[in-house]
Structure formats: structure tokens, C-alpha cells
């Protein structure tokens, strides 16, 4: 059973921004470079890397999405009280 996941994310204000970035990533833009350019979260400076986290450490919509992904996947836009996220799963323990 997965107890921890490692994820990177890009935080933007609108669903439209998130969808546009997702298209750019699907067309070859580096997730980390997009995070550095566009993410509103301080983690953007590190390519969006949030490190490893367990259940209960992130807001529920974000956590649910991350724990239901496979390593290497990039999520569809996920809404939380902070804005809209794109999540890339980079590890599982």
C-alpha cells in the first residue's frame, strides 16, 4: 500500500490557465520549467517539487488526486481553496 507520494505542482488562479499549461506540457514543455515560469506557489522556484508527503498532509482534493496517480502522470486541473493545480507524480513509497 502506498503510504507516501512525491509530487510537483503548478498553482495558477484559473482553470483556463491550468488547461492552457496542461496543453503546453502535453506538447513538450517541461513541467519543471512551466512551474518556474507560472506557478504562484514558492515551490515553483524548485520546479514545483513538494517532496514526499503522506495522507492528511495536503488539502483533500490535492491529496486525492496525487494518491490516485501513477508515477510520471500529470493530472487534469485540480481545484482547491488556493487555486488550480496541475500535479505531476514523481514517486511513491
N, C-alpha and C. Protein backbone atom coordinates (compact mmCIF):
# COMPACT_ATOMS: atom_id res chain seq x y z
N UNK A 1 0.84 -1.20 0.00
CA UNK A 1 0.00 0.00 0.00
C UNK A 1 0.87 1.25 0.00
N UNK A 2 0.52 2.20 -0.82
CA UNK A 2 1.25 3.47 -0.91
C UNK A 2 1.02 4.28 0.35
N UNK A 3 2.09 4.63 1.04
CA UNK A 3 1.95 5.44 2.24
C UNK A 3 2.40 6.88 2.02
N UNK A 4 3.25 7.08 1.01
CA UNK A 4 3.72 8.42 0.68
C UNK A 4 3.83 8.55 -0.83
N UNK A 5 3.62 9.76 -1.31
CA UNK A 5 3.87 10.07 -2.71
C UNK A 5 4.75 11.31 -2.78
N UNK A 6 5.44 11.44 -3.89
CA UNK A 6 6.22 12.65 -4.14
C UNK A 6 5.61 13.30 -5.36
N UNK A 7 5.37 14.59 -5.26
CA UNK A 7 4.72 15.28 -6.35
C UNK A 7 5.31 16.67 -6.55
N UNK A 8 5.15 17.13 -7.77
CA UNK A 8 5.43 18.52 -8.10
C UNK A 8 4.10 19.12 -8.54
N UNK A 9 3.98 20.43 -8.41
CA UNK A 9 2.73 21.04 -8.86
C UNK A 9 2.98 22.44 -9.40
N UNK A 10 1.98 22.88 -10.15
CA UNK A 10 1.94 24.25 -10.67
C UNK A 10 0.62 24.83 -10.17
N UNK A 11 0.69 25.94 -9.49
CA UNK A 11 -0.50 26.61 -8.95
C UNK A 11 -0.78 27.87 -9.75
N UNK A 12 -1.99 27.97 -10.30
CA UNK A 12 -2.42 29.17 -11.04
C UNK A 12 -3.80 29.59 -10.54
N UNK A 13 -4.26 30.76 -10.96
CA UNK A 13 -5.51 31.31 -10.43
C UNK A 13 -6.76 30.73 -11.08
N UNK A 14 -6.69 30.39 -12.38
CA UNK A 14 -7.91 30.00 -13.08
C UNK A 14 -7.78 28.62 -13.73
N UNK A 15 -8.93 28.00 -13.94
CA UNK A 15 -8.97 26.71 -14.63
C UNK A 15 -8.46 26.88 -16.06
N UNK A 16 -8.77 28.00 -16.69
CA UNK A 16 -8.33 28.25 -18.06
C UNK A 16 -6.81 28.26 -18.15
N UNK A 17 -6.15 28.94 -17.19
CA UNK A 17 -4.68 28.94 -17.17
C UNK A 17 -4.14 27.53 -17.01
N UNK A 18 -4.75 26.76 -16.11
CA UNK A 18 -4.29 25.39 -15.86
C UNK A 18 -4.45 24.53 -17.11
N UNK A 19 -5.57 24.67 -17.80
CA UNK A 19 -5.79 23.89 -19.03
C UNK A 19 -4.80 24.27 -20.12
N UNK A 20 -4.51 25.56 -20.24
CA UNK A 20 -3.54 26.02 -21.24
C UNK A 20 -2.16 25.45 -20.95
N UNK A 21 -1.76 25.48 -19.68
CA UNK A 21 -0.45 24.93 -19.30
C UNK A 21 -0.41 23.42 -19.52
N UNK A 22 -1.51 22.73 -19.22
CA UNK A 22 -1.55 21.29 -19.44
C UNK A 22 -1.33 20.97 -20.91
N UNK A 23 -1.96 21.74 -21.79
CA UNK A 23 -1.76 21.55 -23.23
C UNK A 23 -0.30 21.77 -23.61
N UNK A 24 0.32 22.81 -23.05
CA UNK A 24 1.73 23.09 -23.35
C UNK A 24 2.62 21.94 -22.87
N UNK A 25 2.34 21.40 -21.70
CA UNK A 25 3.13 20.29 -21.16
C UNK A 25 2.94 19.05 -22.02
N UNK A 26 1.70 18.78 -22.44
CA UNK A 26 1.44 17.62 -23.31
C UNK A 26 2.15 17.77 -24.64
N UNK A 27 2.42 19.02 -25.05
CA UNK A 27 3.09 19.28 -26.32
C UNK A 27 4.59 19.47 -26.16
N UNK A 28 5.14 19.06 -25.01
CA UNK A 28 6.59 19.03 -24.87
C UNK A 28 7.22 20.01 -23.90
N UNK A 29 6.46 20.96 -23.37
CA UNK A 29 7.00 21.90 -22.36
C UNK A 29 7.39 21.10 -21.12
N UNK A 30 8.52 21.39 -20.56
CA UNK A 30 8.96 20.75 -19.32
C UNK A 30 8.06 21.19 -18.16
N UNK A 31 7.59 20.21 -17.37
CA UNK A 31 6.75 20.52 -16.22
C UNK A 31 7.51 21.45 -15.27
N UNK A 32 8.77 21.14 -15.00
CA UNK A 32 9.56 21.94 -14.06
C UNK A 32 9.76 23.37 -14.57
N UNK A 33 10.01 23.51 -15.87
CA UNK A 33 10.19 24.86 -16.42
C UNK A 33 8.90 25.64 -16.38
N UNK A 34 7.77 24.97 -16.65
CA UNK A 34 6.46 25.64 -16.57
C UNK A 34 6.20 26.08 -15.13
N UNK A 35 6.55 25.23 -14.16
CA UNK A 35 6.36 25.60 -12.75
C UNK A 35 7.19 26.83 -12.40
N UNK A 36 8.44 26.86 -12.86
CA UNK A 36 9.30 28.00 -12.56
C UNK A 36 8.74 29.28 -13.16
N UNK A 37 8.15 29.20 -14.33
CA UNK A 37 7.64 30.38 -15.02
C UNK A 37 6.28 30.85 -14.50
N UNK A 38 5.39 29.91 -14.18
CA UNK A 38 3.99 30.27 -13.97
C UNK A 38 3.42 30.01 -12.57
N UNK A 39 4.04 29.14 -11.79
CA UNK A 39 3.42 28.77 -10.52
C UNK A 39 3.41 29.91 -9.52
N UNK A 40 2.27 30.08 -8.85
CA UNK A 40 2.14 31.09 -7.80
C UNK A 40 2.67 30.60 -6.46
N UNK A 41 2.98 29.32 -6.36
CA UNK A 41 3.49 28.73 -5.12
C UNK A 41 5.01 28.92 -5.06
N UNK A 42 5.55 29.19 -3.87
CA UNK A 42 7.01 29.30 -3.74
C UNK A 42 7.76 28.07 -4.24
N UNK A 43 7.12 26.90 -4.24
CA UNK A 43 7.77 25.68 -4.73
C UNK A 43 8.10 25.77 -6.21
N UNK A 44 7.48 26.71 -6.91
CA UNK A 44 7.76 26.89 -8.33
C UNK A 44 9.23 27.12 -8.61
N UNK A 45 9.92 27.78 -7.70
CA UNK A 45 11.36 28.03 -7.87
C UNK A 45 12.13 26.72 -7.97
N UNK A 46 11.59 25.67 -7.33
CA UNK A 46 12.23 24.34 -7.35
C UNK A 46 11.58 23.44 -8.39
N UNK A 47 10.97 24.01 -9.39
CA UNK A 47 10.29 23.23 -10.41
C UNK A 47 8.98 22.64 -9.92
N UNK A 48 8.47 23.19 -8.82
CA UNK A 48 7.19 22.73 -8.27
C UNK A 48 7.30 21.58 -7.30
N UNK A 49 8.51 21.11 -7.01
CA UNK A 49 8.69 19.92 -6.16
C UNK A 49 8.22 20.17 -4.74
N UNK A 50 7.32 19.29 -4.27
CA UNK A 50 6.81 19.34 -2.91
C UNK A 50 7.43 18.28 -2.02
N UNK A 51 8.27 17.43 -2.58
CA UNK A 51 8.86 16.34 -1.81
C UNK A 51 7.83 15.26 -1.53
N UNK A 52 8.18 14.35 -0.61
CA UNK A 52 7.27 13.27 -0.23
C UNK A 52 6.29 13.75 0.83
N UNK A 53 5.05 13.27 0.76
CA UNK A 53 4.06 13.58 1.77
C UNK A 53 3.10 12.40 1.92
N UNK A 54 2.56 12.28 3.10
CA UNK A 54 1.60 11.22 3.39
C UNK A 54 0.18 11.76 3.40
N UNK A 55 -0.75 10.85 3.62
CA UNK A 55 -2.15 11.25 3.70
C UNK A 55 -2.36 12.19 4.88
N UNK A 56 -3.23 13.17 4.69
CA UNK A 56 -3.53 14.12 5.74
C UNK A 56 -2.61 15.32 5.77
N UNK A 57 -1.63 15.37 4.87
CA UNK A 57 -0.66 16.48 4.88
C UNK A 57 -1.00 17.57 3.87
N UNK A 58 -1.86 17.25 2.91
CA UNK A 58 -2.27 18.21 1.88
C UNK A 58 -3.79 18.36 1.94
N UNK A 59 -4.31 19.41 1.31
CA UNK A 59 -5.76 19.57 1.25
C UNK A 59 -6.35 18.38 0.48
N UNK A 60 -7.57 17.99 0.85
CA UNK A 60 -8.14 16.74 0.35
C UNK A 60 -8.20 16.62 -1.17
N UNK A 61 -8.68 17.60 -1.92
CA UNK A 61 -8.73 17.41 -3.38
C UNK A 61 -7.35 17.14 -3.99
N UNK A 62 -6.34 17.84 -3.47
CA UNK A 62 -4.97 17.66 -3.95
C UNK A 62 -4.47 16.27 -3.59
N UNK A 63 -4.66 15.89 -2.34
CA UNK A 63 -4.23 14.58 -1.86
C UNK A 63 -4.91 13.46 -2.63
N UNK A 64 -6.21 13.55 -2.81
CA UNK A 64 -6.95 12.51 -3.53
C UNK A 64 -6.40 12.33 -4.94
N UNK A 65 -6.15 13.44 -5.62
CA UNK A 65 -5.62 13.35 -6.98
C UNK A 65 -4.23 12.71 -6.98
N UNK A 66 -3.36 13.17 -6.10
CA UNK A 66 -1.98 12.68 -6.08
C UNK A 66 -1.92 11.18 -5.77
N UNK A 67 -2.71 10.73 -4.81
CA UNK A 67 -2.65 9.32 -4.42
C UNK A 67 -3.32 8.40 -5.43
N UNK A 68 -4.05 8.95 -6.40
CA UNK A 68 -4.69 8.13 -7.42
C UNK A 68 -3.96 8.18 -8.76
N UNK A 69 -2.76 8.72 -8.75
CA UNK A 69 -1.98 8.84 -9.98
C UNK A 69 -0.87 7.78 -10.02
N UNK A 70 -0.34 7.58 -11.21
CA UNK A 70 0.84 6.73 -11.40
C UNK A 70 2.05 7.63 -11.60
N UNK A 71 3.22 7.15 -11.21
CA UNK A 71 4.45 7.93 -11.36
C UNK A 71 4.62 8.34 -12.82
N UNK A 72 4.89 9.62 -13.01
CA UNK A 72 5.07 10.18 -14.35
C UNK A 72 3.83 10.86 -14.89
N UNK A 73 2.66 10.55 -14.31
CA UNK A 73 1.41 11.17 -14.77
C UNK A 73 1.36 12.65 -14.43
N UNK A 74 0.64 13.40 -15.26
CA UNK A 74 0.30 14.79 -14.98
C UNK A 74 -1.22 14.85 -14.90
N UNK A 75 -1.73 15.43 -13.84
CA UNK A 75 -3.18 15.47 -13.60
C UNK A 75 -3.88 16.46 -14.51
N UNK A 76 -5.19 16.28 -14.63
CA UNK A 76 -6.05 17.34 -15.12
C UNK A 76 -6.07 18.41 -14.05
N UNK A 77 -6.56 19.62 -14.33
CA UNK A 77 -6.61 20.66 -13.30
C UNK A 77 -7.41 20.22 -12.06
N UNK A 78 -6.86 20.51 -10.90
CA UNK A 78 -7.47 20.18 -9.61
C UNK A 78 -7.70 21.49 -8.86
N UNK A 79 -8.95 21.71 -8.42
CA UNK A 79 -9.26 22.95 -7.71
C UNK A 79 -9.18 22.74 -6.20
N UNK A 80 -8.52 23.69 -5.53
CA UNK A 80 -8.51 23.76 -4.06
C UNK A 80 -8.79 25.21 -3.68
N UNK A 81 -8.82 25.47 -2.39
CA UNK A 81 -9.05 26.85 -1.94
C UNK A 81 -7.90 27.77 -2.32
N UNK A 82 -6.77 27.21 -2.76
CA UNK A 82 -5.62 28.02 -3.13
C UNK A 82 -5.63 28.43 -4.59
N UNK A 83 -6.41 27.72 -5.40
CA UNK A 83 -6.45 27.98 -6.84
C UNK A 83 -6.55 26.67 -7.59
N UNK A 84 -5.95 26.64 -8.77
CA UNK A 84 -5.98 25.47 -9.65
C UNK A 84 -4.57 24.90 -9.77
N UNK A 85 -4.48 23.59 -9.61
CA UNK A 85 -3.20 22.89 -9.63
C UNK A 85 -3.10 21.94 -10.80
N UNK A 86 -1.90 21.83 -11.35
CA UNK A 86 -1.52 20.68 -12.16
C UNK A 86 -0.53 19.92 -11.31
N UNK A 87 -0.70 18.63 -11.22
CA UNK A 87 0.14 17.80 -10.36
C UNK A 87 0.89 16.79 -11.23
N UNK A 88 2.18 16.66 -10.97
CA UNK A 88 2.96 15.60 -11.62
C UNK A 88 3.46 14.69 -10.52
N UNK A 89 3.11 13.41 -10.61
CA UNK A 89 3.57 12.45 -9.60
C UNK A 89 4.96 11.99 -9.97
N UNK A 90 5.89 12.13 -9.01
CA UNK A 90 7.29 11.79 -9.30
C UNK A 90 7.82 10.63 -8.47
N UNK A 91 7.02 10.13 -7.51
CA UNK A 91 7.47 8.99 -6.71
C UNK A 91 6.39 8.44 -5.82
N UNK A 92 6.57 7.18 -5.42
CA UNK A 92 5.65 6.51 -4.48
C UNK A 92 6.48 5.65 -3.54
N UNK A 93 6.11 5.61 -2.28
CA UNK A 93 6.70 4.71 -1.28
C UNK A 93 5.62 3.85 -0.69
